[in-house]
Amino acid sequence: MQMVKIHIPKQVNSAAGVLEISRRGRIVYIPNDVFVVPEPALKVLSDMNVTYLELGRGGFDYAEKTLRDALAAHA
């Protein structure tokens, strides 16, 4: 399954969108409103009119690497 790194800017319905995709699968939060989500989550966000900016794609190892990099940057 493809994992997608996205940025969700603060907007009225962004919290509801994040809550809905978290109900449907695993998501990874990275500081500054960046998330790594399964590809099907993008349709859920689009259906809810939540805008996002795609930052990258990869497999599950991509999600792990993104999380490691974010943690190392704050160490």
PDB file of N, CA and C in Angstrom:
ATOM      1  N   MET A   1       0.840  -1.178   0.000  1.00  0.00           N
ATOM      2  CA  MET A   1       0.000   0.000   0.000  1.00  0.00           C
ATOM      3  C   MET A   1       0.885   1.242   0.000  1.00  0.00           C
ATOM      4  N   GLN A   2       0.511   2.200  -0.797  1.00  0.00           N
ATOM      5  CA  GLN A   2       1.243   3.464  -0.858  1.00  0.00           C
ATOM      6  C   GLN A   2       0.921   4.320   0.364  1.00  0.00           C
ATOM      7  N   MET A   3       1.948   4.911   0.925  1.00  0.00           N
ATOM      8  CA  MET A   3       1.782   5.900   1.992  1.00  0.00           C
ATOM      9  C   MET A   3       2.106   7.252   1.368  1.00  0.00           C
ATOM     10  N   VAL A   4       1.355   8.269   1.759  1.00  0.00           N
ATOM     11  CA  VAL A   4       1.504   9.594   1.172  1.00  0.00           C
ATOM     12  C   VAL A   4       1.764  10.602   2.288  1.00  0.00           C
ATOM     13  N   LYS A   5       2.802  11.388   2.111  1.00  0.00           N
ATOM     14  CA  LYS A   5       3.122  12.460   3.058  1.00  0.00           C
ATOM     15  C   LYS A   5       2.404  13.714   2.576  1.00  0.00           C
ATOM     16  N   ILE A   6       1.577  14.297   3.461  1.00  0.00           N
ATOM     17  CA  ILE A   6       0.789  15.466   3.078  1.00  0.00           C
ATOM     18  C   ILE A   6       0.898  16.553   4.148  1.00  0.00           C
ATOM     19  N   HIS A   7       0.641  17.762   3.721  1.00  0.00           N
ATOM     20  CA  HIS A   7       0.506  18.903   4.642  1.00  0.00           C
ATOM     21  C   HIS A   7      -0.936  19.358   4.569  1.00  0.00           C
ATOM     22  N   ILE A   8      -1.574  19.456   5.735  1.00  0.00           N
ATOM     23  CA  ILE A   8      -2.960  19.936   5.790  1.00  0.00           C
ATOM     24  C   ILE A   8      -2.932  21.294   6.477  1.00  0.00           C
ATOM     25  N   PRO A   9      -3.135  22.370   5.719  1.00  0.00           N
ATOM     26  CA  PRO A   9      -3.128  23.695   6.350  1.00  0.00           C
ATOM     27  C   PRO A   9      -4.314  23.854   7.295  1.00  0.00           C
ATOM     28  N   LYS A  10      -4.144  24.696   8.274  1.00  0.00           N
ATOM     29  CA  LYS A  10      -5.234  24.939   9.229  1.00  0.00           C
ATOM     30  C   LYS A  10      -6.417  25.561   8.487  1.00  0.00           C
ATOM     31  N   GLN A  11      -7.569  24.934   8.667  1.00  0.00           N
ATOM     32  CA  GLN A  11      -8.807  25.419   8.071  1.00  0.00           C
ATOM     33  C   GLN A  11      -9.957  24.923   8.926  1.00  0.00           C
ATOM     34  N   VAL A  12     -11.144  25.381   8.640  1.00  0.00           N
ATOM     35  CA  VAL A  12     -12.305  25.071   9.477  1.00  0.00           C
ATOM     36  C   VAL A  12     -12.525  23.569   9.613  1.00  0.00           C
ATOM     37  N   ASN A  13     -12.425  22.815   8.531  1.00  0.00           N
ATOM     38  CA  ASN A  13     -12.762  21.395   8.562  1.00  0.00           C
ATOM     39  C   ASN A  13     -11.552  20.466   8.614  1.00  0.00           C
ATOM     40  N   SER A  14     -10.352  20.996   8.842  1.00  0.00           N
ATOM     41  CA  SER A  14      -9.166  20.138   8.827  1.00  0.00           C
ATOM     42  C   SER A  14      -9.158  19.147   9.992  1.00  0.00           C
ATOM     43  N   ALA A  15      -9.574  19.560  11.180  1.00  0.00           N
ATOM     44  CA  ALA A  15      -9.590  18.654  12.334  1.00  0.00           C
ATOM     45  C   ALA A  15     -10.563  17.507  12.097  1.00  0.00           C
ATOM     46  N   ALA A  16     -11.726  17.802  11.535  1.00  0.00           N
ATOM     47  CA  ALA A  16     -12.698  16.749  11.243  1.00  0.00           C
ATOM     48  C   ALA A  16     -12.147  15.780  10.207  1.00  0.00           C
ATOM     49  N   GLY A  17     -11.413  16.279   9.231  1.00  0.00           N
ATOM     50  CA  GLY A  17     -10.814  15.425   8.215  1.00  0.00           C
ATOM     51  C   GLY A  17      -9.767  14.494   8.797  1.00  0.00           C
ATOM     52  N   VAL A  18      -8.909  15.026   9.661  1.00  0.00           N
ATOM     53  CA  VAL A  18      -7.875  14.208  10.295  1.00  0.00           C
ATOM     54  C   VAL A  18      -8.524  13.149  11.195  1.00  0.00           C
ATOM     55  N   LEU A  19      -9.548  13.524  11.927  1.00  0.00           N
ATOM     56  CA  LEU A  19     -10.251  12.572  12.781  1.00  0.00           C
ATOM     57  C   LEU A  19     -10.858  11.445  11.952  1.00  0.00           C
ATOM     58  N   GLU A  20     -11.463  11.782  10.835  1.00  0.00           N
ATOM     59  CA  GLU A  20     -12.104  10.774   9.992  1.00  0.00           C
ATOM     60  C   GLU A  20     -11.083   9.803   9.399  1.00  0.00           C
ATOM     61  N   ILE A  21      -9.949  10.292   8.909  1.00  0.00           N
ATOM     62  CA  ILE A  21      -8.971   9.365   8.335  1.00  0.00           C
ATOM     63  C   ILE A  21      -8.307   8.517   9.422  1.00  0.00           C
ATOM     64  N   SER A  22      -8.207   9.045  10.641  1.00  0.00           N
ATOM     65  CA  SER A  22      -7.630   8.250  11.726  1.00  0.00           C
ATOM     66  C   SER A  22      -8.567   7.114  12.136  1.00  0.00           C
ATOM     67  N   ARG A  23      -9.840   7.276  11.915  1.00  0.00           N
ATOM     68  CA  ARG A  23     -10.800   6.205  12.194  1.00  0.00           C
ATOM     69  C   ARG A  23     -10.677   5.059  11.197  1.00  0.00           C
ATOM     70  N   ARG A  24     -10.152   5.355  10.026  1.00  0.00           N
ATOM     71  CA  ARG A  24     -10.104   4.375   8.940  1.00  0.00           C
ATOM     72  C   ARG A  24      -8.759   3.694   8.765  1.00  0.00           C
ATOM     73  N   GLY A  25      -7.742   4.148   9.459  1.00  0.00           N
ATOM     74  CA  GLY A  25      -6.433   3.524   9.313  1.00  0.00           C
ATOM     75  C   GLY A  25      -5.364   4.265  10.081  1.00  0.00           C
ATOM     76  N   ARG A  26      -4.171   3.770   9.968  1.00  0.00           N
ATOM     77  CA  ARG A  26      -3.038   4.357  10.688  1.00  0.00           C
ATOM     78  C   ARG A  26      -2.564   5.623   9.992  1.00  0.00           C
ATOM     79  N   ILE A  27      -2.328   6.645  10.788  1.00  0.00           N
ATOM     80  CA  ILE A  27      -1.725   7.863  10.267  1.00  0.00           C
ATOM     81  C   ILE A  27      -0.542   8.216  11.166  1.00  0.00           C
ATOM     82  N   VAL A  28       0.421   8.897  10.596  1.00  0.00           N
ATOM     83  CA  VAL A  28       1.597   9.348  11.343  1.00  0.00           C
ATOM     84  C   VAL A  28       1.577  10.867  11.325  1.00  0.00           C
ATOM     85  N   TYR A  29       1.657  11.465  12.520  1.00  0.00           N
ATOM     86  CA  TYR A  29       1.703  12.929  12.619  1.00  0.00           C
ATOM     87  C   TYR A  29       3.156  13.354  12.773  1.00  0.00           C
ATOM     88  N   ILE A  30       3.519  14.359  12.006  1.00  0.00           N
ATOM     89  CA  ILE A  30       4.836  14.972  12.082  1.00  0.00           C
ATOM     90  C   ILE A  30       4.574  16.456  12.361  1.00  0.00           C
ATOM     91  N   PRO A  31       5.362  17.103  13.194  1.00  0.00           N
ATOM     92  CA  PRO A  31       5.102  18.508  13.518  1.00  0.00           C
ATOM     93  C   PRO A  31       4.842  19.384  12.286  1.00  0.00           C
ATOM     94  N   ASN A  32       4.164  20.482  12.514  1.00  0.00           N
ATOM     95  CA  ASN A  32       3.823  21.477  11.491  1.00  0.00           C
ATOM     96  C   ASN A  32       2.738  20.994  10.534  1.00  0.00           C
ATOM     97  N   ASP A  33       1.772  20.261  11.072  1.00  0.00           N
ATOM     98  CA  ASP A  33       0.597  19.829  10.305  1.00  0.00           C
ATOM     99  C   ASP A  33       0.945  18.944   9.109  1.00  0.00           C
ATOM    100  N   VAL A  34       1.956  18.102   9.269  1.00  0.00           N
ATOM    101  CA  VAL A  34       2.339  17.144   8.225  1.00  0.00           C
ATOM    102  C   VAL A  34       1.933  15.755   8.703  1.00  0.00           C
ATOM    103  N   PHE A  35       1.366  14.970   7.796  1.00  0.00           N
ATOM    104  CA  PHE A  35       0.891  13.633   8.110  1.00  0.00           C
ATOM    105  C   PHE A  35       1.361  12.661   7.045  1.00  0.00           C
ATOM    106  N   VAL A  36       1.544  11.404   7.435  1.00  0.00           N
ATOM    107  CA  VAL A  36       1.767  10.332   6.483  1.00  0.00           C
ATOM    108  C   VAL A  36       0.548   9.426   6.600  1.00  0.00           C
ATOM    109  N   VAL A  37      -0.170   9.283   5.497  1.00  0.00           N
ATOM    110  CA  VAL A  37      -1.456   8.579   5.503  1.00  0.00           C
ATOM    111  C   VAL A  37      -1.486   7.543   4.385  1.00  0.00           C
ATOM    112  N   PRO A  38      -2.340   6.518   4.517  1.00  0.00           N
ATOM    113  CA  PRO A  38      -2.526   5.589   3.400  1.00  0.00           C
ATOM    114  C   PRO A  38      -3.179   6.314   2.225  1.00  0.00           C
ATOM    115  N   GLU A  39      -2.850   5.888   1.030  1.00  0.00           N
ATOM    116  CA  GLU A  39      -3.365   6.561  -0.166  1.00  0.00           C
ATOM    117  C   GLU A  39      -4.893   6.699  -0.188  1.00  0.00           C
ATOM    118  N   PRO A  40      -5.680   5.701   0.247  1.00  0.00           N
ATOM    119  CA  PRO A  40      -7.143   5.871   0.227  1.00  0.00           C
ATOM    120  C   PRO A  40      -7.650   7.035   1.091  1.00  0.00           C
ATOM    121  N   ALA A  41      -6.852   7.479   2.046  1.00  0.00           N
ATOM    122  CA  ALA A  41      -7.259   8.608   2.889  1.00  0.00           C
ATOM    123  C   ALA A  41      -7.405   9.893   2.082  1.00  0.00           C
ATOM    124  N   LEU A  42      -6.700   9.991   0.960  1.00  0.00           N
ATOM    125  CA  LEU A  42      -6.785  11.204   0.142  1.00  0.00           C
ATOM    126  C   LEU A  42      -8.194  11.399  -0.411  1.00  0.00           C
ATOM    127  N   LYS A  43      -8.856  10.301  -0.764  1.00  0.00           N
ATOM    128  CA  LYS A  43     -10.232  10.408  -1.256  1.00  0.00           C
ATOM    129  C   LYS A  43     -11.160  10.883  -0.150  1.00  0.00           C
ATOM    130  N   VAL A  44     -10.950  10.385   1.055  1.00  0.00           N
ATOM    131  CA  VAL A  44     -11.771  10.813   2.199  1.00  0.00           C
ATOM    132  C   VAL A  44     -11.617  12.314   2.411  1.00  0.00           C
ATOM    133  N   LEU A  45     -10.390  12.796   2.383  1.00  0.00           N
ATOM    134  CA  LEU A  45     -10.153  14.235   2.559  1.00  0.00           C
ATOM    135  C   LEU A  45     -10.796  15.041   1.432  1.00  0.00           C
ATOM    136  N   SER A  46     -10.664  14.558   0.208  1.00  0.00           N
ATOM    137  CA  SER A  46     -11.272  15.257  -0.926  1.00  0.00           C
ATOM    138  C   SER A  46     -12.791  15.288  -0.801  1.00  0.00           C
ATOM    139  N   ASP A  47     -13.380  14.169  -0.399  1.00  0.00           N
ATOM    140  CA  ASP A  47     -14.839  14.108  -0.220  1.00  0.00           C
ATOM    141  C   ASP A  47     -15.325  15.070   0.856  1.00  0.00           C
ATOM    142  N   MET A  48     -14.467  15.342   1.846  1.00  0.00           N
ATOM    143  CA  MET A  48     -14.822  16.267   2.935  1.00  0.00           C
ATOM    144  C   MET A  48     -14.397  17.704   2.620  1.00  0.00           C
ATOM    145  N   ASN A  49     -13.888  17.940   1.424  1.00  0.00           N
ATOM    146  CA  ASN A  49     -13.415  19.264   1.000  1.00  0.00           C
ATOM    147  C   ASN A  49     -12.294  19.802   1.884  1.00  0.00           C
ATOM    148  N   VAL A  50     -11.427  18.889   2.332  1.00  0.00           N
ATOM    149  CA  VAL A  50     -10.248  19.288   3.100  1.00  0.00           C
ATOM    150  C   VAL A  50      -9.090  19.386   2.112  1.00  0.00           C
ATOM    151  N   THR A  51      -8.501  20.560   2.020  1.00  0.00           N
ATOM    152  CA  THR A  51      -7.386  20.736   1.091  1.00  0.00           C
ATOM    153  C   THR A  51      -6.093  20.237   1.730  1.00  0.00           C
ATOM    154  N   TYR A  52      -5.222  19.701   0.910  1.00  0.00           N
ATOM    155  CA  TYR A  52      -3.933  19.200   1.372  1.00  0.00           C
ATOM    156  C   TYR A  52      -2.923  19.367   0.252  1.00  0.00           C
ATOM    157  N   LEU A  53      -1.668  19.363   0.628  1.00  0.00           N
ATOM    158  CA  LEU A  53      -0.571  19.447  -0.328  1.00  0.00           C
ATOM    159  C   LEU A  53       0.231  18.163  -0.218  1.00  0.00           C
ATOM    160  N   GLU A  54       0.354  17.434  -1.318  1.00  0.00           N
ATOM    161  CA  GLU A  54       1.108  16.180  -1.310  1.00  0.00           C
ATOM    162  C   GLU A  54       2.602  16.495  -1.336  1.00  0.00           C
ATOM    163  N   LEU A  55       3.348  15.872  -0.415  1.00  0.00           N
ATOM    164  CA  LEU A  55       4.775  16.127  -0.293  1.00  0.00           C
ATOM    165  C   LEU A  55       5.640  14.959  -0.738  1.00  0.00           C
ATOM    166  N   GLY A  56       5.058  13.767  -0.814  1.00  0.00           N
ATOM    167  CA  GLY A  56       5.845  12.608  -1.226  1.00  0.00           C
ATOM    168  C   GLY A  56       5.046  11.326  -1.097  1.00  0.00           C
ATOM    169  N   ARG A  57       5.578  10.233  -1.709  1.00  0.00           N
ATOM    170  CA  ARG A  57       4.916   8.926  -1.679  1.00  0.00           C
ATOM    171  C   ARG A  57       5.942   7.834  -1.505  1.00  0.00           C
ATOM    172  N   GLY A  58       5.487   6.718  -0.953  1.00  0.00           N
ATOM    173  CA  GLY A  58       6.351   5.551  -0.822  1.00  0.00           C
ATOM    174  C   GLY A  58       5.610   4.439  -0.119  1.00  0.00           C
ATOM    175  N   GLY A  59       6.309   3.355   0.153  1.00  0.00           N
ATOM    176  CA  GLY A  59       5.729   2.227   0.863  1.00  0.00           C
ATOM    177  C   GLY A  59       5.719   2.484   2.360  1.00  0.00           C
ATOM    178  N   PHE A  60       5.450   1.413   3.122  1.00  0.00           N
ATOM    179  CA  PHE A  60       5.410   1.565   4.574  1.00  0.00           C
ATOM    180  C   PHE A  60       6.761   1.995   5.124  1.00  0.00           C
ATOM    181  N   ASP A  61       7.853   1.534   4.503  1.00  0.00           N
ATOM    182  CA  ASP A  61       9.177   1.939   4.948  1.00  0.00           C
ATOM    183  C   ASP A  61       9.397   3.440   4.767  1.00  0.00           C
ATOM    184  N   TYR A  62       8.709   4.034   3.802  1.00  0.00           N
ATOM    185  CA  TYR A  62       8.767   5.490   3.604  1.00  0.00           C
ATOM    186  C   TYR A  62       8.197   6.204   4.823  1.00  0.00           C
ATOM    187  N   ALA A  63       7.082   5.688   5.351  1.00  0.00           N
ATOM    188  CA  ALA A  63       6.461   6.288   6.540  1.00  0.00           C
ATOM    189  C   ALA A  63       7.408   6.188   7.735  1.00  0.00           C
ATOM    190  N   GLU A  64       8.044   5.024   7.905  1.00  0.00           N
ATOM    191  CA  GLU A  64       8.991   4.848   9.008  1.00  0.00           C
ATOM    192  C   GLU A  64      10.179   5.797   8.882  1.00  0.00           C
ATOM    193  N   LYS A  65      10.720   5.918   7.675  1.00  0.00           N
ATOM    194  CA  LYS A  65      11.863   6.807   7.449  1.00  0.00           C
ATOM    195  C   LYS A  65      11.489   8.261   7.720  1.00  0.00           C
ATOM    196  N   THR A  66      10.312   8.664   7.283  1.00  0.00           N
ATOM    197  CA  THR A  66       9.854  10.035   7.513  1.00  0.00           C
ATOM    198  C   THR A  66       9.755  10.320   8.997  1.00  0.00           C
ATOM    199  N   LEU A  67       9.227   9.377   9.758  1.00  0.00           N
ATOM    200  CA  LEU A  67       9.102   9.541  11.202  1.00  0.00           C
ATOM    201  C   LEU A  67      10.482   9.604  11.866  1.00  0.00           C
ATOM    202  N   ARG A  68      11.383   8.717  11.475  1.00  0.00           N
ATOM    203  CA  ARG A  68      12.750   8.733  12.029  1.00  0.00           C
ATOM    204  C   ARG A  68      13.441  10.066  11.756  1.00  0.00           C
ATOM    205  N   ASP A  69      13.303  10.552  10.516  1.00  0.00           N
ATOM    206  CA  ASP A  69      13.939  11.822  10.147  1.00  0.00           C
ATOM    207  C   ASP A  69      13.384  12.975  10.978  1.00  0.00           C
ATOM    208  N   ALA A  70      12.079  12.971  11.205  1.00  0.00           N
ATOM    209  CA  ALA A  70      11.456  14.040  11.991  1.00  0.00           C
ATOM    210  C   ALA A  70      11.927  13.986  13.439  1.00  0.00           C
ATOM    211  N   LEU A  71      12.051  12.787  13.993  1.00  0.00           N
ATOM    212  CA  LEU A  71      12.520  12.648  15.372  1.00  0.00           C
ATOM    213  C   LEU A  71      13.985  13.064  15.497  1.00  0.00           C
ATOM    214  N   ALA A  72      14.796  12.698  14.526  1.00  0.00           N
ATOM    215  CA  ALA A  72      16.209  13.072  14.553  1.00  0.00           C
ATOM    216  C   ALA A  72      16.394  14.582  14.444  1.00  0.00           C
ATOM    217  N   ALA A  73      15.524  15.240  13.712  1.00  0.00           N
ATOM    218  CA  ALA A  73      15.629  16.690  13.550  1.00  0.00           C
ATOM    219  C   ALA A  73      15.340  17.429  14.852  1.00  0.00           C
ATOM    220  N   HIS A  74      14.575  16.795  15.746  1.00  0.00           N
ATOM    221  CA  HIS A  74      14.216  17.434  17.017  1.00  0.00           C
ATOM    222  C   HIS A  74      15.096  16.971  18.178  1.00  0.00           C
ATOM    223  N   ALA A  75      16.047  16.110  17.900  1.00  0.00           N
ATOM    224  CA  ALA A  75      16.910  15.586  18.977  1.00  0.00           C
ATOM    225  C   ALA A  75      18.035  16.538  19.303  1.00  0.00           C
TER     226      ALA A  75
END
